[in-house]
């Protein structure tokens, strides 16, 4: 079954992939820095009239919860990464490394970059988990 990105169903499938990943569990074992939110910027042409946040309650190598939230709620997370729909699609297709994307200002980070860089392997494993979700993109 494919899941439309972004949606609550996609978020739940992503959470399942994260929790089934021994590589993520190992890479993020020391993550105690709080939730991470991913914000897809509004794109009315794709049917996204408003920004959409994906809130990931992650801690020590597991994802306790994943859900769609408003931009305002996403901004309350200790780490909030925002980008255009096409950028997130590129991340999930392994065409854009999220850390490089943040450094190149293709993705916008709210939160300490030093902590993100320290957990670069965990970030890569989250991307790998996203690639294992059968994703239906809005522009395809």
C-alpha atoms as a PDB file:
ATOM      1  CA  UNK A   1       0.000   0.000   0.000  1.00  0.00           C
ATOM      2  CA  UNK A   2       1.359   3.412  -0.887  1.00  0.00           C
ATOM      3  CA  UNK A   3       1.044   6.405   1.418  1.00  0.00           C
ATOM      4  CA  UNK A   4       0.640   9.985   0.257  1.00  0.00           C
ATOM      5  CA  UNK A   5       3.398  12.315   1.425  1.00  0.00           C
ATOM      6  CA  UNK A   6       2.710  14.240   3.610  1.00  0.00           C
ATOM      7  CA  UNK A   7      -0.100  12.581   5.573  1.00  0.00           C
ATOM      8  CA  UNK A   8      -0.773  10.993   8.950  1.00  0.00           C
ATOM      9  CA  UNK A   9      -0.726   7.581   7.261  1.00  0.00           C
ATOM     10  CA  UNK A  10       2.708   8.301   5.795  1.00  0.00           C
ATOM     11  CA  UNK A  11       3.918   9.509   9.197  1.00  0.00           C
ATOM     12  CA  UNK A  12       2.765   6.260  10.848  1.00  0.00           C
ATOM     13  CA  UNK A  13       4.438   4.122   8.171  1.00  0.00           C
ATOM     14  CA  UNK A  14       7.635   6.181   8.626  1.00  0.00           C
ATOM     15  CA  UNK A  15       7.490   5.699  12.398  1.00  0.00           C
ATOM     16  CA  UNK A  16       7.187   1.940  11.866  1.00  0.00           C
ATOM     17  CA  UNK A  17      10.229   1.933   9.571  1.00  0.00           C
ATOM     18  CA  UNK A  18      12.261   3.951  12.091  1.00  0.00           C
ATOM     19  CA  UNK A  19      11.378   1.571  14.919  1.00  0.00           C
ATOM     20  CA  UNK A  20      12.234  -1.474  12.781  1.00  0.00           C
ATOM     21  CA  UNK A  21      15.685  -0.133  11.907  1.00  0.00           C
ATOM     22  CA  UNK A  22      18.585  -1.538  13.948  1.00  0.00           C
ATOM     23  CA  UNK A  23      20.915   0.901  12.140  1.00  0.00           C
ATOM     24  CA  UNK A  24      18.850   3.905  13.296  1.00  0.00           C
ATOM     25  CA  UNK A  25      18.581   2.502  16.829  1.00  0.00           C
ATOM     26  CA  UNK A  26      22.384   2.301  17.010  1.00  0.00           C
ATOM     27  CA  UNK A  27      23.115   5.646  15.322  1.00  0.00           C
ATOM     28  CA  UNK A  28      20.615   7.542  17.493  1.00  0.00           C
ATOM     29  CA  UNK A  29      21.152   5.683  20.771  1.00  0.00           C
ATOM     30  CA  UNK A  30      22.487   8.857  22.431  1.00  0.00           C
ATOM     31  CA  UNK A  31      19.839  11.220  21.014  1.00  0.00           C
ATOM     32  CA  UNK A  32      18.200  12.923  23.994  1.00  0.00           C
ATOM     33  CA  UNK A  33      17.714  16.324  22.386  1.00  0.00           C
ATOM     34  CA  UNK A  34      13.973  16.196  21.821  1.00  0.00           C
ATOM     35  CA  UNK A  35      11.572  16.074  18.942  1.00  0.00           C
ATOM     36  CA  UNK A  36      12.332  16.901  15.342  1.00  0.00           C
ATOM     37  CA  UNK A  37       9.742  18.466  13.069  1.00  0.00           C
ATOM     38  CA  UNK A  38       9.898  18.495   9.292  1.00  0.00           C
ATOM     39  CA  UNK A  39       7.908  21.225   7.573  1.00  0.00           C
ATOM     40  CA  UNK A  40       6.781  21.022   3.968  1.00  0.00           C
ATOM     41  CA  UNK A  41       6.119  24.548   2.729  1.00  0.00           C
ATOM     42  CA  UNK A  42       2.739  25.352   1.210  1.00  0.00           C
ATOM     43  CA  UNK A  43       2.355  24.682  -2.497  1.00  0.00           C
ATOM     44  CA  UNK A  44      -1.224  25.297  -3.652  1.00  0.00           C
ATOM     45  CA  UNK A  45      -0.438  23.855  -7.097  1.00  0.00           C
ATOM     46  CA  UNK A  46       0.206  20.488  -5.395  1.00  0.00           C
ATOM     47  CA  UNK A  47      -2.864  20.724  -3.175  1.00  0.00           C
ATOM     48  CA  UNK A  48      -0.962  22.001  -0.126  1.00  0.00           C
ATOM     49  CA  UNK A  49      -2.658  25.321   0.675  1.00  0.00           C
ATOM     50  CA  UNK A  50      -0.823  25.571   4.014  1.00  0.00           C
ATOM     51  CA  UNK A  51       2.520  24.463   5.415  1.00  0.00           C
ATOM     52  CA  UNK A  52       2.409  20.877   6.717  1.00  0.00           C
ATOM     53  CA  UNK A  53       4.526  19.722   9.646  1.00  0.00           C
ATOM     54  CA  UNK A  54       5.583  16.175  10.458  1.00  0.00           C
ATOM     55  CA  UNK A  55       6.310  15.944  14.171  1.00  0.00           C
ATOM     56  CA  UNK A  56       8.697  13.143  15.163  1.00  0.00           C
ATOM     57  CA  UNK A  57       8.945  12.378  18.865  1.00  0.00           C
ATOM     58  CA  UNK A  58      12.326  10.660  18.787  1.00  0.00           C
ATOM     59  CA  UNK A  59      14.447   9.624  21.740  1.00  0.00           C
ATOM     60  CA  UNK A  60      17.394   7.247  22.131  1.00  0.00           C
ATOM     61  CA  UNK A  61      16.986   5.439  18.860  1.00  0.00           C
ATOM     62  CA  UNK A  62      13.233   5.077  18.734  1.00  0.00           C
ATOM     63  CA  UNK A  63      10.269   7.065  17.502  1.00  0.00           C
ATOM     64  CA  UNK A  64       7.566   7.345  20.152  1.00  0.00           C
ATOM     65  CA  UNK A  65       5.109   9.160  17.878  1.00  0.00           C
ATOM     66  CA  UNK A  66       4.843  10.672  14.420  1.00  0.00           C
ATOM     67  CA  UNK A  67       1.993  12.870  13.263  1.00  0.00           C
ATOM     68  CA  UNK A  68       1.009  15.696  10.970  1.00  0.00           C
ATOM     69  CA  UNK A  69       0.871  19.072  12.710  1.00  0.00           C
ATOM     70  CA  UNK A  70       0.552  22.742  11.812  1.00  0.00           C
ATOM     71  CA  UNK A  71       3.618  24.867  11.130  1.00  0.00           C
ATOM     72  CA  UNK A  72       3.023  26.583  14.461  1.00  0.00           C
ATOM     73  CA  UNK A  73       3.130  23.319  16.384  1.00  0.00           C
ATOM     74  CA  UNK A  74       6.127  22.104  14.377  1.00  0.00           C
ATOM     75  CA  UNK A  75       8.005  25.298  15.259  1.00  0.00           C
ATOM     76  CA  UNK A  76       7.747  24.372  18.957  1.00  0.00           C
ATOM     77  CA  UNK A  77       9.984  21.322  18.451  1.00  0.00           C
ATOM     78  CA  UNK A  78      13.614  21.755  19.546  1.00  0.00           C
ATOM     79  CA  UNK A  79      14.608  21.077  15.928  1.00  0.00           C
ATOM     80  CA  UNK A  80      12.475  22.210  13.001  1.00  0.00           C
ATOM     81  CA  UNK A  81      13.625  21.691   9.427  1.00  0.00           C
ATOM     82  CA  UNK A  82      11.648  23.433   6.662  1.00  0.00           C
ATOM     83  CA  UNK A  83      11.769  23.118   2.921  1.00  0.00           C
ATOM     84  CA  UNK A  84       9.892  23.116  -0.345  1.00  0.00           C
ATOM     85  CA  UNK A  85       8.052  19.937  -1.332  1.00  0.00           C
ATOM     86  CA  UNK A  86      10.583  19.244  -4.104  1.00  0.00           C
ATOM     87  CA  UNK A  87      13.456  19.417  -1.595  1.00  0.00           C
ATOM     88  CA  UNK A  88      11.847  16.820   0.696  1.00  0.00           C
ATOM     89  CA  UNK A  89      11.169  14.612  -2.297  1.00  0.00           C
ATOM     90  CA  UNK A  90      14.862  14.908  -3.238  1.00  0.00           C
ATOM     91  CA  UNK A  91      15.853  13.919   0.299  1.00  0.00           C
ATOM     92  CA  UNK A  92      13.620  10.835   0.199  1.00  0.00           C
ATOM     93  CA  UNK A  93      15.069   9.871  -3.169  1.00  0.00           C
ATOM     94  CA  UNK A  94      18.617  10.186  -1.782  1.00  0.00           C
ATOM     95  CA  UNK A  95      19.345  13.026  -4.224  1.00  0.00           C
ATOM     96  CA  UNK A  96      19.851  15.620  -1.472  1.00  0.00           C
ATOM     97  CA  UNK A  97      21.679  14.889   1.759  1.00  0.00           C
ATOM     98  CA  UNK A  98      19.705  16.720   4.465  1.00  0.00           C
ATOM     99  CA  UNK A  99      22.814  17.944   6.328  1.00  0.00           C
ATOM    100  CA  UNK A 100      24.285  19.381   3.120  1.00  0.00           C
ATOM    101  CA  UNK A 101      20.855  20.773   2.277  1.00  0.00           C
ATOM    102  CA  UNK A 102      20.827  22.681   5.586  1.00  0.00           C
ATOM    103  CA  UNK A 103      24.362  23.960   5.074  1.00  0.00           C
ATOM    104  CA  UNK A 104      23.497  25.084   1.534  1.00  0.00           C
ATOM    105  CA  UNK A 105      20.282  26.770   2.776  1.00  0.00           C
ATOM    106  CA  UNK A 106      18.134  24.440   0.646  1.00  0.00           C
ATOM    107  CA  UNK A 107      16.533  23.338   3.919  1.00  0.00           C
ATOM    108  CA  UNK A 108      16.093  25.746   6.841  1.00  0.00           C
ATOM    109  CA  UNK A 109      17.032  24.593  10.348  1.00  0.00           C
ATOM    110  CA  UNK A 110      15.724  26.013  13.592  1.00  0.00           C
ATOM    111  CA  UNK A 111      17.873  24.518  16.332  1.00  0.00           C
ATOM    112  CA  UNK A 112      21.581  23.979  17.006  1.00  0.00           C
ATOM    113  CA  UNK A 113      23.382  22.744  13.885  1.00  0.00           C
ATOM    114  CA  UNK A 114      26.245  21.449  16.050  1.00  0.00           C
ATOM    115  CA  UNK A 115      23.953  18.793  17.530  1.00  0.00           C
ATOM    116  CA  UNK A 116      22.576  17.834  14.118  1.00  0.00           C
ATOM    117  CA  UNK A 117      26.111  17.393  12.761  1.00  0.00           C
ATOM    118  CA  UNK A 118      27.051  15.250  15.753  1.00  0.00           C
ATOM    119  CA  UNK A 119      24.214  12.887  14.772  1.00  0.00           C
ATOM    120  CA  UNK A 120      24.893  12.825  11.030  1.00  0.00           C
ATOM    121  CA  UNK A 121      24.654   9.015  10.902  1.00  0.00           C
ATOM    122  CA  UNK A 122      21.279   9.068  12.643  1.00  0.00           C
ATOM    123  CA  UNK A 123      20.106  11.634  10.092  1.00  0.00           C
ATOM    124  CA  UNK A 124      21.245   9.393   7.237  1.00  0.00           C
ATOM    125  CA  UNK A 125      19.427   6.450   8.790  1.00  0.00           C
ATOM    126  CA  UNK A 126      16.217   8.478   9.058  1.00  0.00           C
ATOM    127  CA  UNK A 127      16.501   9.179   5.337  1.00  0.00           C
ATOM    128  CA  UNK A 128      16.998   5.462   4.713  1.00  0.00           C
ATOM    129  CA  UNK A 129      13.852   4.738   6.743  1.00  0.00           C
ATOM    130  CA  UNK A 130      11.907   7.232   4.633  1.00  0.00           C
ATOM    131  CA  UNK A 131      12.996   5.448   1.442  1.00  0.00           C
ATOM    132  CA  UNK A 132      11.424   2.226   2.737  1.00  0.00           C
ATOM    133  CA  UNK A 133       7.970   3.811   2.992  1.00  0.00           C
ATOM    134  CA  UNK A 134       5.932   3.111  -0.147  1.00  0.00           C
ATOM    135  CA  UNK A 135       5.400   6.784  -0.949  1.00  0.00           C
ATOM    136  CA  UNK A 136       2.966   8.401  -3.346  1.00  0.00           C
ATOM    137  CA  UNK A 137       4.168  11.908  -4.178  1.00  0.00           C
ATOM    138  CA  UNK A 138       1.607  14.614  -4.895  1.00  0.00           C
ATOM    139  CA  UNK A 139       3.258  15.613  -8.162  1.00  0.00           C
ATOM    140  CA  UNK A 140       3.375  12.140  -9.695  1.00  0.00           C
END
